[in-house]
């Protein structure tokens, strides 16, 4: 195991953490957020793991407690949808992108230069 592998949380755990907390907030029955939580993901494997009810020989190493996503989707508390890499808002924060794509992402996130505020 390399040094970097021990520091990163597997994607299924990160999504599970996100859905668990989102579901808790929804359970407060606030009228403005009482609808279905949608998680956008660009990983086909992660989406297939959540939607597939049967176990696969490649996923045997995943403990049952990390199947929280599958439970939440099954209870209709959350839904996972595919988003392409070009549409992903997190790409400029995690990957090198061209300047044109970077400017488009900044516009989608409503981020501007400080000089534009004045």
C-alpha atoms as a PDB file:
ATOM      1  CA  UNK A   1       0.000   0.000   0.000  1.00  0.00           C
ATOM      2  CA  UNK A   2       1.423   3.389  -0.935  1.00  0.00           C
ATOM      3  CA  UNK A   3       1.370   6.349   1.393  1.00  0.00           C
ATOM      4  CA  UNK A   4      -1.398   8.122  -0.511  1.00  0.00           C
ATOM      5  CA  UNK A   5      -3.767   5.159  -0.469  1.00  0.00           C
ATOM      6  CA  UNK A   6      -4.043   5.134   3.308  1.00  0.00           C
ATOM      7  CA  UNK A   7      -5.157   8.758   3.428  1.00  0.00           C
ATOM      8  CA  UNK A   8      -8.002   8.633   0.923  1.00  0.00           C
ATOM      9  CA  UNK A   9     -11.494   7.511   1.736  1.00  0.00           C
ATOM     10  CA  UNK A  10     -13.055   5.133  -0.819  1.00  0.00           C
ATOM     11  CA  UNK A  11     -15.739   6.770  -2.974  1.00  0.00           C
ATOM     12  CA  UNK A  12     -18.500   4.563  -1.620  1.00  0.00           C
ATOM     13  CA  UNK A  13     -17.723   5.739   1.926  1.00  0.00           C
ATOM     14  CA  UNK A  14     -17.689   9.413   0.885  1.00  0.00           C
ATOM     15  CA  UNK A  15     -21.038   9.121  -0.895  1.00  0.00           C
ATOM     16  CA  UNK A  16     -22.447   7.196   2.071  1.00  0.00           C
ATOM     17  CA  UNK A  17     -21.376   9.941   4.463  1.00  0.00           C
ATOM     18  CA  UNK A  18     -22.982  12.548   2.223  1.00  0.00           C
ATOM     19  CA  UNK A  19     -26.280  10.681   1.912  1.00  0.00           C
ATOM     20  CA  UNK A  20     -26.430   9.862   5.631  1.00  0.00           C
ATOM     21  CA  UNK A  21     -26.115  13.505   6.585  1.00  0.00           C
ATOM     22  CA  UNK A  22     -28.430  14.682   3.817  1.00  0.00           C
ATOM     23  CA  UNK A  23     -31.026  12.153   4.881  1.00  0.00           C
ATOM     24  CA  UNK A  24     -30.738  13.346   8.487  1.00  0.00           C
ATOM     25  CA  UNK A  25     -31.404  16.922   7.399  1.00  0.00           C
ATOM     26  CA  UNK A  26     -34.403  15.791   5.343  1.00  0.00           C
ATOM     27  CA  UNK A  27     -35.725  13.890   8.369  1.00  0.00           C
ATOM     28  CA  UNK A  28     -36.069  17.213  10.176  1.00  0.00           C
ATOM     29  CA  UNK A  29     -39.130  17.672   7.926  1.00  0.00           C
ATOM     30  CA  UNK A  30     -38.231  21.133   6.770  1.00  0.00           C
ATOM     31  CA  UNK A  31     -40.710  21.920   4.000  1.00  0.00           C
ATOM     32  CA  UNK A  32     -38.140  23.437   1.642  1.00  0.00           C
ATOM     33  CA  UNK A  33     -35.940  20.310   1.457  1.00  0.00           C
ATOM     34  CA  UNK A  34     -38.406  17.477   1.981  1.00  0.00           C
ATOM     35  CA  UNK A  35     -38.045  16.146  -1.578  1.00  0.00           C
ATOM     36  CA  UNK A  36     -35.758  13.422  -2.877  1.00  0.00           C
ATOM     37  CA  UNK A  37     -32.004  14.035  -2.558  1.00  0.00           C
ATOM     38  CA  UNK A  38     -30.137  13.667  -5.881  1.00  0.00           C
ATOM     39  CA  UNK A  39     -26.434  12.742  -5.900  1.00  0.00           C
ATOM     40  CA  UNK A  40     -24.603  13.377  -9.157  1.00  0.00           C
ATOM     41  CA  UNK A  41     -21.684  11.051  -9.873  1.00  0.00           C
ATOM     42  CA  UNK A  42     -19.366  10.608 -12.861  1.00  0.00           C
ATOM     43  CA  UNK A  43     -18.306   7.079 -11.909  1.00  0.00           C
ATOM     44  CA  UNK A  44     -20.301   4.368 -13.703  1.00  0.00           C
ATOM     45  CA  UNK A  45     -18.981   1.698 -11.330  1.00  0.00           C
ATOM     46  CA  UNK A  46     -20.237   3.517  -8.236  1.00  0.00           C
ATOM     47  CA  UNK A  47     -23.675   4.014  -9.786  1.00  0.00           C
ATOM     48  CA  UNK A  48     -23.859   0.338 -10.787  1.00  0.00           C
ATOM     49  CA  UNK A  49     -22.906  -0.748  -7.239  1.00  0.00           C
ATOM     50  CA  UNK A  50     -25.744   1.324  -5.793  1.00  0.00           C
ATOM     51  CA  UNK A  51     -28.390   0.220  -8.289  1.00  0.00           C
ATOM     52  CA  UNK A  52     -27.448  -3.492  -8.423  1.00  0.00           C
ATOM     53  CA  UNK A  53     -29.105  -5.442  -5.619  1.00  0.00           C
ATOM     54  CA  UNK A  54     -27.044  -8.607  -5.916  1.00  0.00           C
ATOM     55  CA  UNK A  55     -23.434  -8.964  -4.839  1.00  0.00           C
ATOM     56  CA  UNK A  56     -20.627  -9.238  -7.349  1.00  0.00           C
ATOM     57  CA  UNK A  57     -17.379 -11.180  -6.955  1.00  0.00           C
ATOM     58  CA  UNK A  58     -15.388  -7.948  -7.316  1.00  0.00           C
ATOM     59  CA  UNK A  59     -17.250  -6.252  -4.474  1.00  0.00           C
ATOM     60  CA  UNK A  60     -16.814  -8.994  -1.876  1.00  0.00           C
ATOM     61  CA  UNK A  61     -14.238  -6.917  -0.001  1.00  0.00           C
ATOM     62  CA  UNK A  62     -16.776  -4.156   0.751  1.00  0.00           C
ATOM     63  CA  UNK A  63     -18.230  -4.563   4.232  1.00  0.00           C
ATOM     64  CA  UNK A  64     -21.989  -4.536   4.688  1.00  0.00           C
ATOM     65  CA  UNK A  65     -21.903  -1.329   6.710  1.00  0.00           C
ATOM     66  CA  UNK A  66     -20.673   0.540   3.642  1.00  0.00           C
ATOM     67  CA  UNK A  67     -23.769  -0.384   1.644  1.00  0.00           C
ATOM     68  CA  UNK A  68     -25.589   2.599   3.126  1.00  0.00           C
ATOM     69  CA  UNK A  69     -26.017   4.145  -0.304  1.00  0.00           C
ATOM     70  CA  UNK A  70     -27.882   1.094  -1.548  1.00  0.00           C
ATOM     71  CA  UNK A  71     -30.209   1.214   1.456  1.00  0.00           C
ATOM     72  CA  UNK A  72     -30.921   4.917   1.029  1.00  0.00           C
ATOM     73  CA  UNK A  73     -31.669   4.531  -2.685  1.00  0.00           C
ATOM     74  CA  UNK A  74     -33.851   1.500  -1.912  1.00  0.00           C
ATOM     75  CA  UNK A  75     -35.853   3.518   0.635  1.00  0.00           C
ATOM     76  CA  UNK A  76     -36.240   6.318  -1.919  1.00  0.00           C
ATOM     77  CA  UNK A  77     -34.425   8.831   0.314  1.00  0.00           C
ATOM     78  CA  UNK A  78     -31.850   9.483  -2.415  1.00  0.00           C
ATOM     79  CA  UNK A  79     -31.206   8.952  -6.103  1.00  0.00           C
ATOM     80  CA  UNK A  80     -27.887   8.697  -7.953  1.00  0.00           C
ATOM     81  CA  UNK A  81     -27.680  10.190 -11.431  1.00  0.00           C
ATOM     82  CA  UNK A  82     -24.846  10.191 -13.926  1.00  0.00           C
ATOM     83  CA  UNK A  83     -23.173  13.466 -14.792  1.00  0.00           C
ATOM     84  CA  UNK A  84     -20.565  13.722 -17.525  1.00  0.00           C
ATOM     85  CA  UNK A  85     -17.105  14.972 -16.725  1.00  0.00           C
ATOM     86  CA  UNK A  86     -17.735  18.059 -18.852  1.00  0.00           C
ATOM     87  CA  UNK A  87     -20.757  18.980 -16.693  1.00  0.00           C
ATOM     88  CA  UNK A  88     -19.192  18.137 -13.335  1.00  0.00           C
ATOM     89  CA  UNK A  89     -18.774  21.217 -11.149  1.00  0.00           C
ATOM     90  CA  UNK A  90     -15.933  19.639  -9.171  1.00  0.00           C
ATOM     91  CA  UNK A  91     -13.618  19.071 -12.154  1.00  0.00           C
ATOM     92  CA  UNK A  92     -11.827  22.442 -11.964  1.00  0.00           C
ATOM     93  CA  UNK A  93     -11.147  21.731  -8.299  1.00  0.00           C
ATOM     94  CA  UNK A  94      -9.746  18.234  -8.837  1.00  0.00           C
ATOM     95  CA  UNK A  95      -8.366  18.037 -12.388  1.00  0.00           C
ATOM     96  CA  UNK A  96      -6.421  20.217 -14.796  1.00  0.00           C
ATOM     97  CA  UNK A  97      -8.822  21.755 -17.334  1.00  0.00           C
ATOM     98  CA  UNK A  98      -8.410  24.083 -20.307  1.00  0.00           C
ATOM     99  CA  UNK A  99      -8.774  27.813 -19.712  1.00  0.00           C
ATOM    100  CA  UNK A 100     -12.052  27.998 -21.658  1.00  0.00           C
ATOM    101  CA  UNK A 101     -13.573  25.137 -19.647  1.00  0.00           C
ATOM    102  CA  UNK A 102     -12.253  26.701 -16.436  1.00  0.00           C
ATOM    103  CA  UNK A 103     -13.981  29.998 -17.262  1.00  0.00           C
ATOM    104  CA  UNK A 104     -17.250  28.161 -17.994  1.00  0.00           C
ATOM    105  CA  UNK A 105     -17.087  26.304 -14.674  1.00  0.00           C
ATOM    106  CA  UNK A 106     -16.403  29.551 -12.809  1.00  0.00           C
ATOM    107  CA  UNK A 107     -19.508  31.025 -14.428  1.00  0.00           C
ATOM    108  CA  UNK A 108     -21.620  28.029 -13.366  1.00  0.00           C
ATOM    109  CA  UNK A 109     -20.344  28.349  -9.782  1.00  0.00           C
ATOM    110  CA  UNK A 110     -20.939  32.134  -9.903  1.00  0.00           C
ATOM    111  CA  UNK A 111     -17.308  32.834  -8.984  1.00  0.00           C
ATOM    112  CA  UNK A 112     -15.723  36.081 -10.192  1.00  0.00           C
ATOM    113  CA  UNK A 113     -12.452  37.943  -9.856  1.00  0.00           C
ATOM    114  CA  UNK A 114     -12.359  40.500  -7.061  1.00  0.00           C
ATOM    115  CA  UNK A 115     -11.594  43.218  -9.625  1.00  0.00           C
ATOM    116  CA  UNK A 116     -14.983  42.505 -11.265  1.00  0.00           C
ATOM    117  CA  UNK A 117     -16.822  43.279  -8.014  1.00  0.00           C
ATOM    118  CA  UNK A 118     -15.679  46.885  -7.880  1.00  0.00           C
END
